[in-house]
Structure formats: C-alpha cells, structure tokens
C-alpha cells in the first residue's frame, strides 16, 4: 500500500510503475495499459505541482516518435489548471529548467505544440505564442505563418546540433515579427531590431543564463546579416565578425552560424537547401585573422587598430563575390 501510495503521487501513469518487494508489478494507475495505448495520462497528484503541465509537454516531446499522445481527460484538466491561473506563480528558474530539458529532446517542437494546445504557451512564452497566425511574405516563406516557421527552424536546429543554447536562440530569433504593425504585414521591416527588446524581456523574466541570452540576442539581431553575407561589403562584413565575437570566440561564432542556418532551412520546401553563407563567413573569419599587428612595424595605439581594420576590410572586399 505504501508503494502504491507513493506511485500515485507521480506525474504520469506511465511513471507510476514499480516492482514490489515480492517482484510483482505495482501499477495503481494502469500505467501498463497506458503504455500499450501510448497515452500520456495524469495521476491524481498532478494538481500538487503546476510544473507538471510542462513535464507533460516534455514527455510528449520525448516520446513523440513512438506515437504517444496526451489523453483527452489530461488535456481538459491541464487547460482547467491554466484557466484557473495555476501556472501564473511558477518559479522562473524551474520553468526554464523544463524548457532547457525539452530542448534536448528529439522532437522539442512537440513540447511547444502541446503547451499551445493546452493554452499554456501564452502563459510561459507569450512572445513565442504571439507569432502563430502572423503572416510572412510567401515568396520567402512558403509556410507563411511566423509561428510555423519558428517551429520548423527549431526542428532544423535539432538536425544540425545537440547544443541547447543554439536551439534556444532559434526559438527566439524572430520574436520581433510578433510586434509588426498590422498595416505593414506580411512584411516585417526591422523585426530583428524590435526583437532585441523582446529577447531581453524573456531572458530577464525567466532568469536565463548569460550563455543562452547572449547567443539568442546575436541570432535575433544579426541573422539577416548572416543570410546576406555574400552581399556585404568588407567594412560591414568586419562589423558582423566583430559583433558576433567571431575573431575572439570561434565556438560562439559557430553556434551563431548554426542558428542562422536552421532559420534559413526552416521554410517549407527549403529544409535541405544548401547554406553557403556559413562557409563564406567561416572563410571571412580566417581572412580577417591573417592580418596581425606584426605586419605593421612601428605603428602603435589607435593607429595600429585602424591599420589592422583597414587591411582586413581590403582583403575581405577582394574576395567578395562580384
């Protein structure tokens, strides 16, 4: 009875299974049946901790490829919890811990899809929820919907890297599209600049670690520069390399490039399209680093910095596609 009671306090029935002292299966919530039915169903204790709504979505992301779905009665209960404000007082650090865990699952898009289905995404990440239903130009985005594009980009990020900070940056890269004036739609002029404030707001609210915050801000502000890399003059290209820490932190620059590649491929029919901008910028970084202080004997201080920058710009212009 003690074991059964403990199991009934778990979050989902499929987690409320154990072997008793006699080796018999203890299954007070029919978890075995839900495993066979591939159902994610709550135990009576779900209301004890509203964070379990997020855990439910995370398990949906983990077992999506196995065909698991959320039980109808669990959906109803979770929606009731959201409507009653149960999620409003969740501790920010715990919320981000669940998001971070979901981002490492094989299908994190399902985490956000389930949260949206439960009306919980508007509570947890209203900036992302707001993207759904916002149109984009069909010429560049055949999928049209900004929220759909974000989810497609996130799944592309999963294919490119296991790094959760990259996946998080992709999740937030287009937040500015949610604040585009209706009169401007479906275009999103300067959305990358409007998004900066929103990314900062999310990171402050959920107490996001600096590593995640910094990469998300760079992806938000500079992803369009990355896409247009081969059109940029040497001066602008060097500014991009400096702004993304390419010369000092190649690992962070690589993370930025992966986030941009995921964005470019997160479009209907373009999932397998090449992204030559990535290699072009990697080569641009190498070219810039070939210019060193040792090449300017007798030049010091501010003049040295200007000489290095000028030579880097000259070399970058020399290899720019015509």
C-alpha atoms as a PDB file:
ATOM      1  CA  UNK A   1       0.000   0.000   0.000  1.00  0.00           C
ATOM      2  CA  UNK A   2       2.889   2.382   0.801  1.00  0.00           C
ATOM      3  CA  UNK A   3       4.495   1.760  -2.568  1.00  0.00           C
ATOM      4  CA  UNK A   4       1.175   2.223  -4.365  1.00  0.00           C
ATOM      5  CA  UNK A   5       0.548   5.454  -2.494  1.00  0.00           C
ATOM      6  CA  UNK A   6       3.953   6.804  -3.453  1.00  0.00           C
ATOM      7  CA  UNK A   7       3.394   5.860  -7.076  1.00  0.00           C
ATOM      8  CA  UNK A   8       0.063   7.673  -7.166  1.00  0.00           C
ATOM      9  CA  UNK A   9       1.938  10.881  -6.375  1.00  0.00           C
ATOM     10  CA  UNK A  10       3.978  10.671  -9.588  1.00  0.00           C
ATOM     11  CA  UNK A  11       3.125  12.932 -12.514  1.00  0.00           C
ATOM     12  CA  UNK A  12       2.045  10.451 -15.208  1.00  0.00           C
ATOM     13  CA  UNK A  13       0.621   6.951 -15.057  1.00  0.00           C
ATOM     14  CA  UNK A  14       3.463   5.547 -17.182  1.00  0.00           C
ATOM     15  CA  UNK A  15       5.876   6.785 -14.494  1.00  0.00           C
ATOM     16  CA  UNK A  16       3.781   5.270 -11.689  1.00  0.00           C
ATOM     17  CA  UNK A  17       5.063   1.720 -12.094  1.00  0.00           C
ATOM     18  CA  UNK A  18       7.356  -0.264  -9.806  1.00  0.00           C
ATOM     19  CA  UNK A  19       8.292  -3.751  -8.743  1.00  0.00           C
ATOM     20  CA  UNK A  20       7.122  -4.600  -5.245  1.00  0.00           C
ATOM     21  CA  UNK A  21       9.215  -6.489  -2.630  1.00  0.00           C
ATOM     22  CA  UNK A  22       7.824  -9.759  -3.937  1.00  0.00           C
ATOM     23  CA  UNK A  23       8.816  -8.965  -7.517  1.00  0.00           C
ATOM     24  CA  UNK A  24       5.239  -8.277  -8.600  1.00  0.00           C
ATOM     25  CA  UNK A  25       4.419  -5.224 -10.698  1.00  0.00           C
ATOM     26  CA  UNK A  26       2.757  -2.451  -8.702  1.00  0.00           C
ATOM     27  CA  UNK A  27       0.558  -0.452 -11.055  1.00  0.00           C
ATOM     28  CA  UNK A  28      -2.086   1.562  -9.173  1.00  0.00           C
ATOM     29  CA  UNK A  29      -2.924   3.875 -12.102  1.00  0.00           C
ATOM     30  CA  UNK A  30      -2.975   1.405 -15.009  1.00  0.00           C
ATOM     31  CA  UNK A  31       0.301   2.744 -16.333  1.00  0.00           C
ATOM     32  CA  UNK A  32       0.907  -0.529 -18.116  1.00  0.00           C
ATOM     33  CA  UNK A  33      -2.315  -0.093 -20.044  1.00  0.00           C
ATOM     34  CA  UNK A  34      -1.383   3.477 -20.958  1.00  0.00           C
ATOM     35  CA  UNK A  35       1.992   2.263 -22.197  1.00  0.00           C
ATOM     36  CA  UNK A  36       0.216  -0.145 -24.513  1.00  0.00           C
ATOM     37  CA  UNK A  37      -2.208   2.569 -25.604  1.00  0.00           C
ATOM     38  CA  UNK A  38       0.685   5.056 -25.931  1.00  0.00           C
ATOM     39  CA  UNK A  39      -1.135   7.560 -23.779  1.00  0.00           C
ATOM     40  CA  UNK A  40       0.284  10.254 -21.536  1.00  0.00           C
ATOM     41  CA  UNK A  41      -2.268  10.425 -18.744  1.00  0.00           C
ATOM     42  CA  UNK A  42      -2.076  12.235 -15.413  1.00  0.00           C
ATOM     43  CA  UNK A  43      -2.192  10.737 -11.946  1.00  0.00           C
ATOM     44  CA  UNK A  44      -4.436  12.256  -9.250  1.00  0.00           C
ATOM     45  CA  UNK A  45      -1.434  14.243  -7.947  1.00  0.00           C
ATOM     46  CA  UNK A  46      -0.961  16.459 -10.991  1.00  0.00           C
ATOM     47  CA  UNK A  47      -2.563  19.454  -9.292  1.00  0.00           C
ATOM     48  CA  UNK A  48       0.009  19.365  -6.498  1.00  0.00           C
ATOM     49  CA  UNK A  49       2.571  20.988  -8.779  1.00  0.00           C
ATOM     50  CA  UNK A  50       1.507  23.033 -11.847  1.00  0.00           C
ATOM     51  CA  UNK A  51       5.000  22.483 -13.281  1.00  0.00           C
ATOM     52  CA  UNK A  52       3.743  19.022 -14.173  1.00  0.00           C
ATOM     53  CA  UNK A  53       1.857  20.579 -17.085  1.00  0.00           C
ATOM     54  CA  UNK A  54       5.260  21.446 -18.556  1.00  0.00           C
ATOM     55  CA  UNK A  55       6.577  17.992 -17.733  1.00  0.00           C
ATOM     56  CA  UNK A  56       3.612  16.516 -19.569  1.00  0.00           C
ATOM     57  CA  UNK A  57       4.595  18.521 -22.660  1.00  0.00           C
ATOM     58  CA  UNK A  58       8.220  17.458 -22.247  1.00  0.00           C
ATOM     59  CA  UNK A  59       7.283  13.769 -22.211  1.00  0.00           C
ATOM     60  CA  UNK A  60       5.217  14.412 -25.341  1.00  0.00           C
ATOM     61  CA  UNK A  61       8.396  15.740 -26.966  1.00  0.00           C
ATOM     62  CA  UNK A  62      10.416  12.759 -25.759  1.00  0.00           C
ATOM     63  CA  UNK A  63       8.021  10.060 -26.943  1.00  0.00           C
ATOM     64  CA  UNK A  64       6.517  11.765 -29.988  1.00  0.00           C
ATOM     65  CA  UNK A  65       8.330   9.493 -32.418  1.00  0.00           C
ATOM     66  CA  UNK A  66       6.920   6.470 -30.580  1.00  0.00           C
ATOM     67  CA  UNK A  67       3.381   7.653 -31.200  1.00  0.00           C
ATOM     68  CA  UNK A  68       2.490   8.819 -27.674  1.00  0.00           C
ATOM     69  CA  UNK A  69      -0.286  11.384 -27.357  1.00  0.00           C
ATOM     70  CA  UNK A  70      -1.824  13.275 -24.441  1.00  0.00           C
ATOM     71  CA  UNK A  71      -5.005  11.679 -23.091  1.00  0.00           C
ATOM     72  CA  UNK A  72      -8.149  13.743 -23.663  1.00  0.00           C
ATOM     73  CA  UNK A  73      -9.028  13.925 -19.982  1.00  0.00           C
ATOM     74  CA  UNK A  74      -5.493  15.101 -19.210  1.00  0.00           C
ATOM     75  CA  UNK A  75      -5.819  17.850 -21.803  1.00  0.00           C
ATOM     76  CA  UNK A  76      -9.066  19.018 -20.229  1.00  0.00           C
ATOM     77  CA  UNK A  77      -7.589  19.047 -16.740  1.00  0.00           C
ATOM     78  CA  UNK A  78      -4.426  20.857 -17.856  1.00  0.00           C
ATOM     79  CA  UNK A  79      -6.489  23.509 -19.640  1.00  0.00           C
ATOM     80  CA  UNK A  80      -8.557  23.974 -16.488  1.00  0.00           C
ATOM     81  CA  UNK A  81      -5.365  24.447 -14.474  1.00  0.00           C
ATOM     82  CA  UNK A  82      -4.172  27.093 -16.941  1.00  0.00           C
ATOM     83  CA  UNK A  83      -7.525  28.920 -16.896  1.00  0.00           C
ATOM     84  CA  UNK A  84      -7.569  28.902 -13.107  1.00  0.00           C
ATOM     85  CA  UNK A  85      -4.142  30.562 -13.012  1.00  0.00           C
ATOM     86  CA  UNK A  86      -2.239  27.604 -11.561  1.00  0.00           C
ATOM     87  CA  UNK A  87       0.749  28.292 -13.826  1.00  0.00           C
ATOM     88  CA  UNK A  88       0.944  32.007 -13.065  1.00  0.00           C
ATOM     89  CA  UNK A  89       3.089  31.577  -9.966  1.00  0.00           C
ATOM     90  CA  UNK A  90       5.647  29.098 -11.287  1.00  0.00           C
ATOM     91  CA  UNK A  91       9.237  29.826 -10.250  1.00  0.00           C
ATOM     92  CA  UNK A  92      11.118  31.199 -13.299  1.00  0.00           C
ATOM     93  CA  UNK A  93      14.171  29.002 -12.792  1.00  0.00           C
ATOM     94  CA  UNK A  94      12.008  25.876 -12.769  1.00  0.00           C
ATOM     95  CA  UNK A  95      10.212  26.970 -15.923  1.00  0.00           C
ATOM     96  CA  UNK A  96      13.483  27.475 -17.762  1.00  0.00           C
ATOM     97  CA  UNK A  97      14.806  24.155 -16.455  1.00  0.00           C
ATOM     98  CA  UNK A  98      11.867  22.431 -18.148  1.00  0.00           C
ATOM     99  CA  UNK A  99      12.352  24.422 -21.366  1.00  0.00           C
ATOM    100  CA  UNK A 100      16.052  23.582 -21.381  1.00  0.00           C
ATOM    101  CA  UNK A 101      15.298  19.900 -20.831  1.00  0.00           C
ATOM    102  CA  UNK A 102      12.690  19.954 -23.590  1.00  0.00           C
ATOM    103  CA  UNK A 103      15.214  21.468 -25.990  1.00  0.00           C
ATOM    104  CA  UNK A 104      17.398  18.395 -25.688  1.00  0.00           C
ATOM    105  CA  UNK A 105      14.556  16.031 -26.574  1.00  0.00           C
ATOM    106  CA  UNK A 106      14.434  14.510 -30.067  1.00  0.00           C
ATOM    107  CA  UNK A 107      11.331  16.496 -31.016  1.00  0.00           C
ATOM    108  CA  UNK A 108      11.210  19.710 -28.937  1.00  0.00           C
ATOM    109  CA  UNK A 109       8.655  21.206 -31.331  1.00  0.00           C
ATOM    110  CA  UNK A 110       6.096  18.881 -29.747  1.00  0.00           C
ATOM    111  CA  UNK A 111       6.775  20.445 -26.336  1.00  0.00           C
ATOM    112  CA  UNK A 112       5.690  23.845 -27.624  1.00  0.00           C
ATOM    113  CA  UNK A 113       2.833  22.402 -29.685  1.00  0.00           C
ATOM    114  CA  UNK A 114       1.357  20.675 -26.652  1.00  0.00           C
ATOM    115  CA  UNK A 115       1.772  23.760 -24.471  1.00  0.00           C
ATOM    116  CA  UNK A 116      -0.043  25.794 -27.095  1.00  0.00           C
ATOM    117  CA  UNK A 117      -2.792  23.196 -27.331  1.00  0.00           C
ATOM    118  CA  UNK A 118      -3.217  23.440 -23.551  1.00  0.00           C
ATOM    119  CA  UNK A 119      -3.306  27.271 -23.686  1.00  0.00           C
ATOM    120  CA  UNK A 120      -0.136  27.239 -21.591  1.00  0.00           C
ATOM    121  CA  UNK A 121       2.337  28.656 -24.122  1.00  0.00           C
ATOM    122  CA  UNK A 122       0.683  32.077 -23.811  1.00  0.00           C
ATOM    123  CA  UNK A 123       1.498  31.936 -20.080  1.00  0.00           C
ATOM    124  CA  UNK A 124       5.027  30.525 -20.315  1.00  0.00           C
ATOM    125  CA  UNK A 125       6.297  32.203 -23.503  1.00  0.00           C
ATOM    126  CA  UNK A 126       3.706  34.702 -24.745  1.00  0.00           C
ATOM    127  CA  UNK A 127       6.287  36.184 -27.123  1.00  0.00           C
ATOM    128  CA  UNK A 128       6.510  32.869 -28.987  1.00  0.00           C
ATOM    129  CA  UNK A 129       2.779  32.169 -28.785  1.00  0.00           C
ATOM    130  CA  UNK A 130       2.101  35.560 -30.389  1.00  0.00           C
ATOM    131  CA  UNK A 131       3.942  34.503 -33.573  1.00  0.00           C
ATOM    132  CA  UNK A 132       1.274  31.992 -34.590  1.00  0.00           C
ATOM    133  CA  UNK A 133      -1.138  33.434 -37.110  1.00  0.00           C
ATOM    134  CA  UNK A 134       1.247  36.231 -38.129  1.00  0.00           C
ATOM    135  CA  UNK A 135       1.798  36.081 -41.929  1.00  0.00           C
ATOM    136  CA  UNK A 136       5.097  36.443 -43.785  1.00  0.00           C
ATOM    137  CA  UNK A 137       5.763  37.048 -47.497  1.00  0.00           C
ATOM    138  CA  UNK A 138       5.062  33.807 -49.330  1.00  0.00           C
ATOM    139  CA  UNK A 139       7.978  34.409 -51.691  1.00  0.00           C
ATOM    140  CA  UNK A 140      10.497  33.915 -48.879  1.00  0.00           C
ATOM    141  CA  UNK A 141       8.319  31.880 -46.526  1.00  0.00           C
ATOM    142  CA  UNK A 142       6.050  29.413 -48.346  1.00  0.00           C
ATOM    143  CA  UNK A 143       4.818  28.218 -44.932  1.00  0.00           C
ATOM    144  CA  UNK A 144       3.562  31.824 -44.403  1.00  0.00           C
ATOM    145  CA  UNK A 145       2.838  31.556 -40.641  1.00  0.00           C
ATOM    146  CA  UNK A 146       5.605  33.022 -38.433  1.00  0.00           C
ATOM    147  CA  UNK A 147       4.932  30.560 -35.626  1.00  0.00           C
ATOM    148  CA  UNK A 148       5.085  27.616 -38.017  1.00  0.00           C
ATOM    149  CA  UNK A 149       8.376  28.974 -39.379  1.00  0.00           C
ATOM    150  CA  UNK A 150       9.818  29.195 -35.862  1.00  0.00           C
ATOM    151  CA  UNK A 151       8.899  25.585 -35.140  1.00  0.00           C
ATOM    152  CA  UNK A 152      10.293  24.430 -38.490  1.00  0.00           C
ATOM    153  CA  UNK A 153      13.529  26.279 -37.749  1.00  0.00           C
ATOM    154  CA  UNK A 154      13.740  24.684 -34.322  1.00  0.00           C
ATOM    155  CA  UNK A 155      13.415  21.218 -35.788  1.00  0.00           C
ATOM    156  CA  UNK A 156      16.140  22.088 -38.299  1.00  0.00           C
ATOM    157  CA  UNK A 157      18.347  23.133 -35.389  1.00  0.00           C
ATOM    158  CA  UNK A 158      17.798  19.676 -33.896  1.00  0.00           C
ATOM    159  CA  UNK A 159      19.206  18.176 -37.099  1.00  0.00           C
ATOM    160  CA  UNK A 160      22.239  20.464 -37.028  1.00  0.00           C
ATOM    161  CA  UNK A 161      23.322  20.367 -33.389  1.00  0.00           C
ATOM    162  CA  UNK A 162      22.646  18.993 -29.925  1.00  0.00           C
ATOM    163  CA  UNK A 163      23.583  22.343 -28.386  1.00  0.00           C
ATOM    164  CA  UNK A 164      20.635  23.612 -26.388  1.00  0.00           C
ATOM    165  CA  UNK A 165      21.757  27.238 -26.487  1.00  0.00           C
ATOM    166  CA  UNK A 166      21.624  27.143 -30.300  1.00  0.00           C
ATOM    167  CA  UNK A 167      18.149  25.631 -30.231  1.00  0.00           C
ATOM    168  CA  UNK A 168      17.034  28.276 -27.728  1.00  0.00           C
ATOM    169  CA  UNK A 169      18.428  31.056 -29.929  1.00  0.00           C
ATOM    170  CA  UNK A 170      16.485  29.696 -32.894  1.00  0.00           C
ATOM    171  CA  UNK A 171      13.320  29.622 -30.790  1.00  0.00           C
ATOM    172  CA  UNK A 172      13.628  33.362 -30.095  1.00  0.00           C
ATOM    173  CA  UNK A 173      15.238  34.642 -33.299  1.00  0.00           C
ATOM    174  CA  UNK A 174      12.032  36.048 -34.863  1.00  0.00           C
ATOM    175  CA  UNK A 175      10.189  37.413 -31.829  1.00  0.00           C
ATOM    176  CA  UNK A 176      10.067  40.851 -33.421  1.00  0.00           C
ATOM    177  CA  UNK A 177       7.617  39.569 -36.037  1.00  0.00           C
ATOM    178  CA  UNK A 178       5.013  39.309 -33.308  1.00  0.00           C
ATOM    179  CA  UNK A 179       5.016  43.102 -32.918  1.00  0.00           C
ATOM    180  CA  UNK A 180       4.915  44.115 -36.589  1.00  0.00           C
ATOM    181  CA  UNK A 181       2.220  46.771 -37.142  1.00  0.00           C
ATOM    182  CA  UNK A 182      -0.789  45.239 -38.917  1.00  0.00           C
ATOM    183  CA  UNK A 183      -0.546  47.806 -41.716  1.00  0.00           C
ATOM    184  CA  UNK A 184       2.946  46.538 -42.616  1.00  0.00           C
ATOM    185  CA  UNK A 185       2.056  42.839 -42.874  1.00  0.00           C
ATOM    186  CA  UNK A 186       3.078  40.496 -44.342  1.00  0.00           C
ATOM    187  CA  UNK A 187       6.427  42.318 -44.446  1.00  0.00           C
ATOM    188  CA  UNK A 188       8.439  42.609 -41.245  1.00  0.00           C
ATOM    189  CA  UNK A 189      10.670  45.622 -41.672  1.00  0.00           C
ATOM    190  CA  UNK A 190      13.292  45.905 -38.902  1.00  0.00           C
ATOM    191  CA  UNK A 191      11.820  42.966 -36.995  1.00  0.00           C
ATOM    192  CA  UNK A 192      15.322  41.960 -35.905  1.00  0.00           C
ATOM    193  CA  UNK A 193      15.729  45.275 -34.063  1.00  0.00           C
ATOM    194  CA  UNK A 194      12.283  45.098 -32.455  1.00  0.00           C
ATOM    195  CA  UNK A 195      13.078  41.569 -31.342  1.00  0.00           C
ATOM    196  CA  UNK A 196      16.055  42.602 -29.218  1.00  0.00           C
ATOM    197  CA  UNK A 197      13.870  44.095 -26.500  1.00  0.00           C
ATOM    198  CA  UNK A 198      11.625  41.027 -26.511  1.00  0.00           C
ATOM    199  CA  UNK A 199      14.543  38.595 -26.226  1.00  0.00           C
ATOM    200  CA  UNK A 200      15.917  40.609 -23.333  1.00  0.00           C
ATOM    201  CA  UNK A 201      12.482  40.528 -21.697  1.00  0.00           C
ATOM    202  CA  UNK A 202      12.197  36.740 -21.950  1.00  0.00           C
ATOM    203  CA  UNK A 203      15.699  36.246 -20.589  1.00  0.00           C
ATOM    204  CA  UNK A 204      15.125  38.614 -17.683  1.00  0.00           C
ATOM    205  CA  UNK A 205      11.742  37.133 -16.799  1.00  0.00           C
ATOM    206  CA  UNK A 206      12.911  33.514 -16.844  1.00  0.00           C
ATOM    207  CA  UNK A 207      16.389  34.289 -15.441  1.00  0.00           C
ATOM    208  CA  UNK A 208      18.091  32.767 -18.474  1.00  0.00           C
ATOM    209  CA  UNK A 209      21.848  32.043 -18.144  1.00  0.00           C
ATOM    210  CA  UNK A 210      24.121  34.508 -19.942  1.00  0.00           C
ATOM    211  CA  UNK A 211      25.365  31.893 -22.416  1.00  0.00           C
ATOM    212  CA  UNK A 212      21.824  31.381 -23.711  1.00  0.00           C
ATOM    213  CA  UNK A 213      20.940  35.072 -23.544  1.00  0.00           C
ATOM    214  CA  UNK A 214      23.987  36.318 -25.451  1.00  0.00           C
ATOM    215  CA  UNK A 215      23.614  33.843 -28.308  1.00  0.00           C
ATOM    216  CA  UNK A 216      19.865  34.487 -28.582  1.00  0.00           C
ATOM    217  CA  UNK A 217      20.488  38.236 -28.835  1.00  0.00           C
ATOM    218  CA  UNK A 218      23.115  37.785 -31.556  1.00  0.00           C
ATOM    219  CA  UNK A 219      20.878  35.458 -33.565  1.00  0.00           C
ATOM    220  CA  UNK A 220      17.974  37.877 -33.235  1.00  0.00           C
ATOM    221  CA  UNK A 221      19.909  40.989 -34.257  1.00  0.00           C
ATOM    222  CA  UNK A 222      22.210  39.609 -36.930  1.00  0.00           C
ATOM    223  CA  UNK A 223      20.536  36.631 -38.634  1.00  0.00           C
ATOM    224  CA  UNK A 224      19.558  38.713 -41.661  1.00  0.00           C
ATOM    225  CA  UNK A 225      23.143  39.973 -41.973  1.00  0.00           C
ATOM    226  CA  UNK A 226      24.262  36.348 -42.000  1.00  0.00           C
ATOM    227  CA  UNK A 227      21.789  35.442 -44.736  1.00  0.00           C
ATOM    228  CA  UNK A 228      23.062  38.363 -46.837  1.00  0.00           C
ATOM    229  CA  UNK A 229      26.724  37.740 -46.050  1.00  0.00           C
ATOM    230  CA  UNK A 230      27.868  37.452 -49.664  1.00  0.00           C
ATOM    231  CA  UNK A 231      26.284  40.814 -50.478  1.00  0.00           C
ATOM    232  CA  UNK A 232      28.087  42.689 -47.689  1.00  0.00           C
ATOM    233  CA  UNK A 233      30.998  44.994 -48.335  1.00  0.00           C
ATOM    234  CA  UNK A 234      34.193  44.356 -46.409  1.00  0.00           C
ATOM    235  CA  UNK A 235      33.513  47.070 -43.824  1.00  0.00           C
ATOM    236  CA  UNK A 236      30.077  45.687 -42.945  1.00  0.00           C
ATOM    237  CA  UNK A 237      31.386  42.138 -43.016  1.00  0.00           C
ATOM    238  CA  UNK A 238      34.099  43.007 -40.490  1.00  0.00           C
ATOM    239  CA  UNK A 239      31.488  44.683 -38.291  1.00  0.00           C
ATOM    240  CA  UNK A 240      29.469  41.458 -38.374  1.00  0.00           C
ATOM    241  CA  UNK A 241      32.515  39.374 -37.439  1.00  0.00           C
ATOM    242  CA  UNK A 242      33.267  41.703 -34.525  1.00  0.00           C
ATOM    243  CA  UNK A 243      29.655  41.885 -33.350  1.00  0.00           C
ATOM    244  CA  UNK A 244      29.348  38.099 -33.239  1.00  0.00           C
ATOM    245  CA  UNK A 245      32.696  37.581 -31.441  1.00  0.00           C
ATOM    246  CA  UNK A 246      33.970  35.639 -34.467  1.00  0.00           C
ATOM    247  CA  UNK A 247      37.588  36.702 -34.032  1.00  0.00           C
ATOM    248  CA  UNK A 248      37.789  36.116 -30.287  1.00  0.00           C
ATOM    249  CA  UNK A 249      35.383  33.231 -29.700  1.00  0.00           C
ATOM    250  CA  UNK A 250      35.158  30.888 -32.673  1.00  0.00           C
ATOM    251  CA  UNK A 251      32.963  28.448 -30.749  1.00  0.00           C
ATOM    252  CA  UNK A 252      30.301  31.105 -30.187  1.00  0.00           C
ATOM    253  CA  UNK A 253      30.567  32.220 -33.805  1.00  0.00           C
ATOM    254  CA  UNK A 254      29.979  28.654 -34.931  1.00  0.00           C
ATOM    255  CA  UNK A 255      26.901  28.479 -32.690  1.00  0.00           C
ATOM    256  CA  UNK A 256      25.631  31.698 -34.288  1.00  0.00           C
ATOM    257  CA  UNK A 257      26.152  30.286 -37.791  1.00  0.00           C
ATOM    258  CA  UNK A 258      24.255  27.114 -36.922  1.00  0.00           C
ATOM    259  CA  UNK A 259      21.329  29.144 -35.581  1.00  0.00           C
ATOM    260  CA  UNK A 260      21.218  31.146 -38.817  1.00  0.00           C
ATOM    261  CA  UNK A 261      21.410  28.010 -40.949  1.00  0.00           C
ATOM    262  CA  UNK A 262      18.497  26.498 -39.029  1.00  0.00           C
ATOM    263  CA  UNK A 263      16.500  29.677 -39.673  1.00  0.00           C
ATOM    264  CA  UNK A 264      17.259  29.554 -43.399  1.00  0.00           C
ATOM    265  CA  UNK A 265      16.203  25.925 -43.656  1.00  0.00           C
ATOM    266  CA  UNK A 266      13.100  26.326 -41.514  1.00  0.00           C
ATOM    267  CA  UNK A 267      10.958  27.095 -44.539  1.00  0.00           C
ATOM    268  CA  UNK A 268       8.560  24.926 -46.478  1.00  0.00           C
ATOM    269  CA  UNK A 269      10.389  23.168 -49.294  1.00  0.00           C
ATOM    270  CA  UNK A 270      13.789  24.564 -48.262  1.00  0.00           C
ATOM    271  CA  UNK A 271      14.608  22.084 -45.496  1.00  0.00           C
ATOM    272  CA  UNK A 272      17.541  20.565 -47.404  1.00  0.00           C
ATOM    273  CA  UNK A 273      18.691  23.693 -49.211  1.00  0.00           C
ATOM    274  CA  UNK A 274      22.430  24.479 -49.081  1.00  0.00           C
ATOM    275  CA  UNK A 275      23.605  27.344 -46.883  1.00  0.00           C
ATOM    276  CA  UNK A 276      26.851  28.616 -48.459  1.00  0.00           C
ATOM    277  CA  UNK A 277      26.771  31.718 -46.257  1.00  0.00           C
ATOM    278  CA  UNK A 278      28.080  29.636 -43.362  1.00  0.00           C
ATOM    279  CA  UNK A 279      31.275  28.555 -45.100  1.00  0.00           C
ATOM    280  CA  UNK A 280      31.671  32.005 -46.633  1.00  0.00           C
ATOM    281  CA  UNK A 281      31.667  33.597 -43.178  1.00  0.00           C
ATOM    282  CA  UNK A 282      33.991  30.936 -41.792  1.00  0.00           C
ATOM    283  CA  UNK A 283      36.444  31.792 -44.568  1.00  0.00           C
ATOM    284  CA  UNK A 284      35.952  35.525 -43.937  1.00  0.00           C
ATOM    285  CA  UNK A 285      36.943  34.942 -40.330  1.00  0.00           C
ATOM    286  CA  UNK A 286      40.131  33.175 -41.417  1.00  0.00           C
ATOM    287  CA  UNK A 287      40.977  36.015 -43.797  1.00  0.00           C
ATOM    288  CA  UNK A 288      40.482  38.617 -41.087  1.00  0.00           C
ATOM    289  CA  UNK A 289      42.689  36.690 -38.650  1.00  0.00           C
ATOM    290  CA  UNK A 290      45.514  36.556 -41.186  1.00  0.00           C
ATOM    291  CA  UNK A 291      46.034  40.273 -40.560  1.00  0.00           C
ATOM    292  CA  UNK A 292      48.052  40.711 -37.359  1.00  0.00           C
ATOM    293  CA  UNK A 293      49.803  43.513 -35.505  1.00  0.00           C
ATOM    294  CA  UNK A 294      53.175  42.127 -36.553  1.00  0.00           C
ATOM    295  CA  UNK A 295      52.508  43.263 -40.107  1.00  0.00           C
ATOM    296  CA  UNK A 296      52.688  46.947 -39.091  1.00  0.00           C
ATOM    297  CA  UNK A 297      56.105  47.637 -37.640  1.00  0.00           C
ATOM    298  CA  UNK A 298      56.355  50.965 -35.857  1.00  0.00           C
ATOM    299  CA  UNK A 299      52.607  51.545 -35.755  1.00  0.00           C
ATOM    300  CA  UNK A 300      51.085  51.700 -32.266  1.00  0.00           C
ATOM    301  CA  UNK A 301      47.937  52.512 -30.311  1.00  0.00           C
ATOM    302  CA  UNK A 302      44.827  53.684 -32.106  1.00  0.00           C
ATOM    303  CA  UNK A 303      46.672  53.903 -35.406  1.00  0.00           C
ATOM    304  CA  UNK A 304      47.568  50.219 -35.163  1.00  0.00           C
ATOM    305  CA  UNK A 305      43.952  49.220 -34.639  1.00  0.00           C
ATOM    306  CA  UNK A 306      42.881  51.332 -37.600  1.00  0.00           C
ATOM    307  CA  UNK A 307      45.609  49.859 -39.809  1.00  0.00           C
ATOM    308  CA  UNK A 308      44.616  46.298 -38.931  1.00  0.00           C
ATOM    309  CA  UNK A 309      40.934  47.043 -39.611  1.00  0.00           C
ATOM    310  CA  UNK A 310      41.700  48.750 -42.929  1.00  0.00           C
ATOM    311  CA  UNK A 311      43.767  45.830 -44.177  1.00  0.00           C
ATOM    312  CA  UNK A 312      41.121  43.334 -43.084  1.00  0.00           C
ATOM    313  CA  UNK A 313      38.469  45.310 -44.958  1.00  0.00           C
ATOM    314  CA  UNK A 314      40.668  45.461 -48.066  1.00  0.00           C
ATOM    315  CA  UNK A 315      41.180  41.691 -48.041  1.00  0.00           C
ATOM    316  CA  UNK A 316      37.510  40.958 -47.390  1.00  0.00           C
ATOM    317  CA  UNK A 317      36.497  43.219 -50.276  1.00  0.00           C
ATOM    318  CA  UNK A 318      38.975  41.407 -52.515  1.00  0.00           C
ATOM    319  CA  UNK A 319      37.237  38.045 -52.070  1.00  0.00           C
ATOM    320  CA  UNK A 320      33.658  39.359 -52.146  1.00  0.00           C
ATOM    321  CA  UNK A 321      31.581  37.757 -54.941  1.00  0.00           C
ATOM    322  CA  UNK A 322      31.009  40.165 -57.803  1.00  0.00           C
END
